[in-house]
Amino acid sequence: MMNKYLNKQMSAICMACLAIIFIVISFFYTCLSNNDFSNGFLLLACLMIFLSVKGFKNDNITIPILIAIIFRVLICIIYSYSGDGDWDGYLYNAMQYVNLPFLSVFKNIPLNAYFYSWIISFPIRFFGSCMMPVRVLNLSLSIYCCYLSYDILEELYDKNIAKKGLWIIALFPNLIRFSCPFASRETLLLFFTLIYIKMAYEYYISGKVTYLFLSVCFLIPGIILHSSMMAMFMLNIAIIISRKSKSNIAVLLKLLLAIVTVFVFVYLLTNGIGTEKFAIGGDGMNAQKLSNLSSLSANGRAAYLQNINFKNPVLIILFIPIRILYFLYTPFVWMVRNIMDIFGLFDAVLYIWLSIPVIKKIWKIIKKKEENNRFIVYLFIVLLCLLAMFAVATSNYGTAIRHRCKMMIILIFIGIDYVKIPRFNVIKK
């Protein structure tokens, strides 16, 4: 009986052991006066302790979570030794907030991408100019995103399908790669996006306005971090409009909620919150700006669709499907020139592998007019909007690889029950 219990909780025990190992390593680096690694491994130990407690409560997913942790810790250590740049100036801006009096920081919250700098300024203020604690913060958010993804998948499907999706998320190469570089907002953006989707789904199921309010609250930080998240408002509006109304009062309430949601969207848009890349809050977006955005990234070895930009908005719309194909599936075979291109090709093949089940799933829903899958259809529409926004502004598959990671989990949410993995044999009704 004791052996059976130990086997069941082995992954949680491993996390506790990792915590002890990281504490020892932290002490070792303290002796070497390496505060960066000492503080980083101490934070890792705290994360392992938290996850080991959580693991004892939910042994169903601790093994994929453990594997996710191991790969992300390894990539964190590699980044820490090899170093990673601060191309967007997140560290520089974070130091500006560190130099402010503590209370003044809360009066100077940036409403653009440097909101990430504002957040990482707190560990930098606490630990000093150490880089690894920030990487560990990103790592921790990445692991929590695994838990959030599992929770959403379990609500959408069942435990078996949810676990299958979790394994893909835990092992997906570029989710690991972008999980913990220094000064990268990818995991923080994914964190807010996933909580938003979870709250939006709770509203879809229950109709409680509290969940609608919470979804918008978590979406706003996502919009501040990246303009593309504006498209997520469509999910809220679609849910509000599609909910069945039993009385005239319910119809009026639904209309009021839709108006308030649109008002929040318009307010963010007109005040330039999270829209600095597109300058929507300034002199407006136009076809010329869209053309300029795509031209900016159309340089270097990994560029594609060079010199193919349109100033006519109609032509831009007509050309979007082709740009989406390039955005999701490049580098194509004929673009492979060296080893790095082979890694990119492998990433593209993974997206083809995930896209086929999504297409099958959506086709079946539309063909059979399945009412119970409306939320999946709404997610798919939002996904198409996100793909269009990124595809228009991206003409380099190096950039595309990083950006399409933001949408990979949504692909899984939509089509995971149609993904073929030998170990997980799911019988479809």
Foldseek 3Di string as FASTA:
>chain_A
DVVVLCVLLVLLVVLLVLLVVLQVVLVVVVVVVNLQSNVLSNLSSVLSVVVSVVCSVPSLQSVLLSLLLVLLVVLLVVCLVVPDDQVVCLCVVLVVLLPDPPVVLVVDQDLAQNNVSSVVNVVCNVSPPHFSNQLSVLLSLLSVLLVLLLVLLCVLDNNLLSSLLSNCSSPVVVSSNQRGRGNHCLSVLLSLVSLLLVLLVVCLVPVDVVSVVVSVVSLSVSLSNAVLSLLVLLLNLVSLVPDDDPDPVSVVVSVVVNVVSVVVSVVCQCCVRHPPLQCCVHPHHAQVSLQVLAQVQQDDLQFAPHPPGDRDVVVLVVCLVVLLCCLQQPPDPVSDDDDVRVVLNVNNVVSVLLVVLLVVQVVVCVVVVDPVCVSLVSLVVSLSSSSSVVSSRHGGNVVSSSSCVSCPSSSCSNRSLSRDDPVRDHDDD
